PDB file of N, CA and C in Angstrom:
ATOM      1  N   MET A   1      33.571  66.535 116.998  1.00  0.00           N
ATOM      2  CA  MET A   1      33.268  65.543 118.011  1.00  0.00           C
ATOM      3  C   MET A   1      34.253  65.671 119.166  1.00  0.00           C
ATOM      4  N   LYS A   2      33.751  65.775 120.353  1.00  0.00           N
ATOM      5  CA  LYS A   2      34.587  65.890 121.541  1.00  0.00           C
ATOM      6  C   LYS A   2      35.115  64.517 121.943  1.00  0.00           C
ATOM      7  N   PRO A   3      36.373  64.462 122.444  1.00  0.00           N
ATOM      8  CA  PRO A   3      36.918  63.177 122.907  1.00  0.00           C
ATOM      9  C   PRO A   3      36.116  62.644 124.091  1.00  0.00           C
ATOM     10  N   ASP A   4      36.059  61.347 124.183  1.00  0.00           N
ATOM     11  CA  ASP A   4      35.358  60.670 125.262  1.00  0.00           C
ATOM     12  C   ASP A   4      36.181  60.771 126.547  1.00  0.00           C
ATOM     13  N   TYR A   5      35.555  61.255 127.616  1.00  0.00           N
ATOM     14  CA  TYR A   5      36.234  61.463 128.906  1.00  0.00           C
ATOM     15  C   TYR A   5      36.891  60.168 129.409  1.00  0.00           C
ATOM     16  N   ASP A   6      36.158  59.061 129.382  1.00  0.00           N
ATOM     17  CA  ASP A   6      36.702  57.793 129.877  1.00  0.00           C
ATOM     18  C   ASP A   6      37.909  57.341 129.062  1.00  0.00           C
ATOM     19  N   SER A   7      37.865  57.560 127.773  1.00  0.00           N
ATOM     20  CA  SER A   7      39.005  57.187 126.919  1.00  0.00           C
ATOM     21  C   SER A   7      40.240  58.005 127.277  1.00  0.00           C
ATOM     22  N   LEU A   8      40.029  59.291 127.559  1.00  0.00           N
ATOM     23  CA  LEU A   8      41.160  60.142 127.924  1.00  0.00           C
ATOM     24  C   LEU A   8      41.725  59.757 129.290  1.00  0.00           C
ATOM     25  N   ILE A   9      40.861  59.397 130.223  1.00  0.00           N
ATOM     26  CA  ILE A   9      41.320  58.920 131.536  1.00  0.00           C
ATOM     27  C   ILE A   9      42.135  57.640 131.351  1.00  0.00           C
ATOM     28  N   ASN A  10      41.607  56.714 130.541  1.00  0.00           N
ATOM     29  CA  ASN A  10      42.309  55.453 130.289  1.00  0.00           C
ATOM     30  C   ASN A  10      43.645  55.668 129.583  1.00  0.00           C
ATOM     31  N   ALA A  11      43.737  56.751 128.821  1.00  0.00           N
ATOM     32  CA  ALA A  11      44.981  57.065 128.123  1.00  0.00           C
ATOM     33  C   ALA A  11      46.016  57.688 129.065  1.00  0.00           C
ATOM     34  N   GLY A  12      45.577  58.019 130.290  1.00  0.00           N
ATOM     35  CA  GLY A  12      46.520  58.539 131.268  1.00  0.00           C
ATOM     36  C   GLY A  12      46.525  60.042 131.430  1.00  0.00           C
ATOM     37  N   LEU A  13      45.608  60.732 130.788  1.00  0.00           N
ATOM     38  CA  LEU A  13      45.559  62.185 130.945  1.00  0.00           C
ATOM     39  C   LEU A  13      44.994  62.539 132.312  1.00  0.00           C
ATOM     40  N   SER A  14      45.495  63.625 132.863  1.00  0.00           N
ATOM     41  CA  SER A  14      44.988  64.103 134.148  1.00  0.00           C
ATOM     42  C   SER A  14      43.659  64.823 133.925  1.00  0.00           C
ATOM     43  N   LYS A  15      42.933  65.028 135.007  1.00  0.00           N
ATOM     44  CA  LYS A  15      41.661  65.747 134.912  1.00  0.00           C
ATOM     45  C   LYS A  15      41.881  67.162 134.402  1.00  0.00           C
ATOM     46  N   GLU A  16      43.011  67.767 134.782  1.00  0.00           N
ATOM     47  CA  GLU A  16      43.327  69.116 134.324  1.00  0.00           C
ATOM     48  C   GLU A  16      43.572  69.139 132.819  1.00  0.00           C
ATOM     49  N   GLU A  17      44.325  68.139 132.324  1.00  0.00           N
ATOM     50  CA  GLU A  17      44.598  68.072 130.886  1.00  0.00           C
ATOM     51  C   GLU A  17      43.300  67.852 130.106  1.00  0.00           C
ATOM     52  N   ILE A  18      42.447  66.998 130.640  1.00  0.00           N
ATOM     53  CA  ILE A  18      41.169  66.729 129.978  1.00  0.00           C
ATOM     54  C   ILE A  18      40.313  67.989 129.951  1.00  0.00           C
ATOM     55  N   ALA A  19      40.321  68.742 131.036  1.00  0.00           N
ATOM     56  CA  ALA A  19      39.538  69.986 131.088  1.00  0.00           C
ATOM     57  C   ALA A  19      40.032  70.975 130.032  1.00  0.00           C
ATOM     58  N   LYS A  20      41.361  71.067 129.867  1.00  0.00           N
ATOM     59  CA  LYS A  20      41.915  71.970 128.850  1.00  0.00           C
ATOM     60  C   LYS A  20      41.469  71.549 127.454  1.00  0.00           C
ATOM     61  N   ILE A  21      41.579  70.250 127.193  1.00  0.00           N
ATOM     62  CA  ILE A  21      41.210  69.741 125.872  1.00  0.00           C
ATOM     63  C   ILE A  21      39.716  69.917 125.627  1.00  0.00           C
ATOM     64  N   SER A  22      38.906  69.568 126.616  1.00  0.00           N
ATOM     65  CA  SER A  22      37.450  69.661 126.473  1.00  0.00           C
ATOM     66  C   SER A  22      36.983  71.098 126.347  1.00  0.00           C
ATOM     67  N   GLY A  23      37.743  72.031 126.905  1.00  0.00           N
ATOM     68  CA  GLY A  23      37.369  73.438 126.855  1.00  0.00           C
ATOM     69  C   GLY A  23      37.686  74.115 125.546  1.00  0.00           C
ATOM     70  N   CYS A  24      38.360  73.431 124.659  1.00  0.00           N
ATOM     71  CA  CYS A  24      38.722  74.023 123.370  1.00  0.00           C
ATOM     72  C   CYS A  24      37.503  74.177 122.484  1.00  0.00           C
ATOM     73  N   GLU A  25      37.354  75.352 121.929  1.00  0.00           N
ATOM     74  CA  GLU A  25      36.297  75.599 120.955  1.00  0.00           C
ATOM     75  C   GLU A  25      36.772  75.205 119.561  1.00  0.00           C
ATOM     76  N   ASP A  26      38.071  75.314 119.349  1.00  0.00           N
ATOM     77  CA  ASP A  26      38.679  75.059 118.048  1.00  0.00           C
ATOM     78  C   ASP A  26      39.121  73.596 117.962  1.00  0.00           C
ATOM     79  N   GLN A  27      38.600  72.876 116.995  1.00  0.00           N
ATOM     80  CA  GLN A  27      38.934  71.466 116.823  1.00  0.00           C
ATOM     81  C   GLN A  27      40.425  71.273 116.525  1.00  0.00           C
ATOM     82  N   GLU A  28      41.012  72.176 115.766  1.00  0.00           N
ATOM     83  CA  GLU A  28      42.437  72.070 115.444  1.00  0.00           C
ATOM     84  C   GLU A  28      43.291  72.180 116.706  1.00  0.00           C
ATOM     85  N   MET A  29      42.927  73.064 117.608  1.00  0.00           N
ATOM     86  CA  MET A  29      43.658  73.210 118.868  1.00  0.00           C
ATOM     87  C   MET A  29      43.506  71.949 119.715  1.00  0.00           C
ATOM     88  N   GLU A  30      42.328  71.395 119.722  1.00  0.00           N
ATOM     89  CA  GLU A  30      42.068  70.163 120.452  1.00  0.00           C
ATOM     90  C   GLU A  30      42.963  69.033 119.924  1.00  0.00           C
ATOM     91  N   ILE A  31      43.059  68.934 118.612  1.00  0.00           N
ATOM     92  CA  ILE A  31      43.910  67.918 117.987  1.00  0.00           C
ATOM     93  C   ILE A  31      45.375  68.170 118.324  1.00  0.00           C
ATOM     94  N   ARG A  32      45.810  69.432 118.274  1.00  0.00           N
ATOM     95  CA  ARG A  32      47.197  69.763 118.619  1.00  0.00           C
ATOM     96  C   ARG A  32      47.526  69.344 120.042  1.00  0.00           C
ATOM     97  N   MET A  33      46.600  69.598 120.961  1.00  0.00           N
ATOM     98  CA  MET A  33      46.832  69.240 122.360  1.00  0.00           C
ATOM     99  C   MET A  33      46.906  67.722 122.537  1.00  0.00           C
ATOM    100  N   LEU A  34      46.044  66.992 121.839  1.00  0.00           N
ATOM    101  CA  LEU A  34      46.083  65.528 121.918  1.00  0.00           C
ATOM    102  C   LEU A  34      47.375  64.982 121.315  1.00  0.00           C
ATOM    103  N   ARG A  35      47.809  65.573 120.217  1.00  0.00           N
ATOM    104  CA  ARG A  35      49.069  65.125 119.606  1.00  0.00           C
ATOM    105  C   ARG A  35      50.262  65.412 120.515  1.00  0.00           C
ATOM    106  N   LYS A  36      50.226  66.560 121.180  1.00  0.00           N
ATOM    107  CA  LYS A  36      51.300  66.905 122.118  1.00  0.00           C
ATOM    108  C   LYS A  36      51.385  65.853 123.225  1.00  0.00           C
ATOM    109  N   TYR A  37      50.237  65.472 123.759  1.00  0.00           N
ATOM    110  CA  TYR A  37      50.229  64.449 124.794  1.00  0.00           C
ATOM    111  C   TYR A  37      50.686  63.108 124.228  1.00  0.00           C
ATOM    112  N   ARG A  38      50.319  62.807 122.985  1.00  0.00           N
ATOM    113  CA  ARG A  38      50.746  61.565 122.341  1.00  0.00           C
ATOM    114  C   ARG A  38      52.276  61.513 122.232  1.00  0.00           C
ATOM    115  N   TYR A  39      52.879  62.631 121.823  1.00  0.00           N
ATOM    116  CA  TYR A  39      54.335  62.679 121.711  1.00  0.00           C
ATOM    117  C   TYR A  39      55.000  62.481 123.071  1.00  0.00           C
ATOM    118  N   LYS A  40      54.393  63.050 124.105  1.00  0.00           N
ATOM    119  CA  LYS A  40      54.903  62.882 125.467  1.00  0.00           C
ATOM    120  C   LYS A  40      54.878  61.400 125.853  1.00  0.00           C
ATOM    121  N   LEU A  41      53.771  60.725 125.569  1.00  0.00           N
ATOM    122  CA  LEU A  41      53.669  59.295 125.861  1.00  0.00           C
ATOM    123  C   LEU A  41      54.683  58.485 125.063  1.00  0.00           C
ATOM    124  N   LEU A  42      54.867  58.856 123.810  1.00  0.00           N
ATOM    125  CA  LEU A  42      55.821  58.141 122.967  1.00  0.00           C
ATOM    126  C   LEU A  42      57.239  58.301 123.495  1.00  0.00           C
ATOM    127  N   ASP A  43      57.587  59.484 123.986  1.00  0.00           N
ATOM    128  CA  ASP A  43      58.899  59.689 124.599  1.00  0.00           C
ATOM    129  C   ASP A  43      59.073  58.779 125.815  1.00  0.00           C
ATOM    130  N   GLU A  44      58.017  58.635 126.607  1.00  0.00           N
ATOM    131  CA  GLU A  44      58.072  57.758 127.775  1.00  0.00           C
ATOM    132  C   GLU A  44      58.260  56.306 127.349  1.00  0.00           C
ATOM    133  N   VAL A  45      57.602  55.895 126.275  1.00  0.00           N
ATOM    134  CA  VAL A  45      57.768  54.536 125.754  1.00  0.00           C
ATOM    135  C   VAL A  45      59.218  54.312 125.338  1.00  0.00           C
ATOM    136  N   HIS A  46      59.804  55.286 124.655  1.00  0.00           N
ATOM    137  CA  HIS A  46      61.198  55.153 124.215  1.00  0.00           C
ATOM    138  C   HIS A  46      62.150  55.060 125.407  1.00  0.00           C
ATOM    139  N   GLU A  47      61.886  55.836 126.447  1.00  0.00           N
ATOM    140  CA  GLU A  47      62.723  55.763 127.649  1.00  0.00           C
ATOM    141  C   GLU A  47      62.631  54.382 128.284  1.00  0.00           C
ATOM    142  N   LYS A  48      61.432  53.845 128.378  1.00  0.00           N
ATOM    143  CA  LYS A  48      61.241  52.503 128.950  1.00  0.00           C
ATOM    144  C   LYS A  48      61.916  51.449 128.078  1.00  0.00           C
ATOM    145  N   GLN A  49      61.861  51.626 126.759  1.00  0.00           N
ATOM    146  CA  GLN A  49      62.513  50.682 125.855  1.00  0.00           C
ATOM    147  C   GLN A  49      64.029  50.690 126.064  1.00  0.00           C
ATOM    148  N   GLN A  50      64.595  51.870 126.291  1.00  0.00           N
ATOM    149  CA  GLN A  50      66.030  51.945 126.565  1.00  0.00           C
ATOM    150  C   GLN A  50      66.367  51.211 127.859  1.00  0.00           C
ATOM    151  N   SER A  51      65.514  51.314 128.856  1.00  0.00           N
ATOM    152  CA  SER A  51      65.730  50.599 130.110  1.00  0.00           C
ATOM    153  C   SER A  51      65.664  49.094 129.879  1.00  0.00           C
ATOM    154  N   LEU A  52      64.690  48.648 129.095  1.00  0.00           N
ATOM    155  CA  LEU A  52      64.580  47.230 128.777  1.00  0.00           C
ATOM    156  C   LEU A  52      65.808  46.739 128.024  1.00  0.00           C
ATOM    157  N   ASP A  53      66.271  47.529 127.076  1.00  0.00           N
ATOM    158  CA  ASP A  53      67.468  47.160 126.312  1.00  0.00           C
ATOM    159  C   ASP A  53      68.682  47.015 127.225  1.00  0.00           C
ATOM    160  N   ALA A  54      68.823  47.915 128.188  1.00  0.00           N
ATOM    161  CA  ALA A  54      69.951  47.846 129.116  1.00  0.00           C
ATOM    162  C   ALA A  54      69.867  46.590 129.978  1.00  0.00           C
ATOM    163  N   ILE A  55      68.677  46.254 130.429  1.00  0.00           N
ATOM    164  CA  ILE A  55      68.510  45.047 131.241  1.00  0.00           C
ATOM    165  C   ILE A  55      68.767  43.801 130.395  1.00  0.00           C
ATOM    166  N   ASP A  56      68.255  43.770 129.163  1.00  0.00           N
ATOM    167  CA  ASP A  56      68.502  42.633 128.275  1.00  0.00           C
ATOM    168  C   ASP A  56      69.993  42.465 128.029  1.00  0.00           C
ATOM    169  N   TYR A  57      70.708  43.557 127.857  1.00  0.00           N
ATOM    170  CA  TYR A  57      72.149  43.514 127.651  1.00  0.00           C
ATOM    171  C   TYR A  57      72.845  42.890 128.861  1.00  0.00           C
ATOM    172  N   MET A  58      72.438  43.311 130.050  1.00  0.00           N
ATOM    173  CA  MET A  58      73.053  42.771 131.276  1.00  0.00           C
ATOM    174  C   MET A  58      72.741  41.280 131.430  1.00  0.00           C
ATOM    175  N   ILE A  59      71.547  40.872 131.082  1.00  0.00           N
ATOM    176  CA  ILE A  59      71.189  39.436 131.156  1.00  0.00           C
ATOM    177  C   ILE A  59      72.075  38.631 130.205  1.00  0.00           C
ATOM    178  N   CYS A  60      72.232  39.106 128.985  1.00  0.00           N
ATOM    179  CA  CYS A  60      73.086  38.417 128.004  1.00  0.00           C
ATOM    180  C   CYS A  60      74.528  38.368 128.476  1.00  0.00           C
ATOM    181  N   LYS A  61      74.996  39.473 129.032  1.00  0.00           N
ATOM    182  CA  LYS A  61      76.383  39.550 129.502  1.00  0.00           C
ATOM    183  C   LYS A  61      76.614  38.550 130.641  1.00  0.00           C
ATOM    184  N   ILE A  62      75.664  38.437 131.562  1.00  0.00           N
ATOM    185  CA  ILE A  62      75.795  37.533 132.696  1.00  0.00           C
ATOM    186  C   ILE A  62      75.744  36.083 132.239  1.00  0.00           C
ATOM    187  N   GLN A  63      74.912  35.782 131.232  1.00  0.00           N
ATOM    188  CA  GLN A  63      74.776  34.413 130.751  1.00  0.00           C
ATOM    189  C   GLN A  63      76.008  33.910 130.023  1.00  0.00           C
ATOM    190  N   LYS A  64      76.819  34.787 129.503  1.00  0.00           N
ATOM    191  CA  LYS A  64      78.019  34.379 128.742  1.00  0.00           C
ATOM    192  C   LYS A  64      79.189  34.106 129.625  1.00  0.00           C
TER     193      LYS A  64
END
């Protein structure tokens, strides 16, 4: 089953990334590419969480 184009757009993939994934004949390669993008997104989430933690720390420090 091919991934839904709208779902991939909503997930933040570029048209180029979607074309690469959609062009895969091998389902395993398609899954690998989606997982790679998932890991990239997860890294971005962790970076944002570190930023939030730093801001929360500064708020606590200022309040004391």
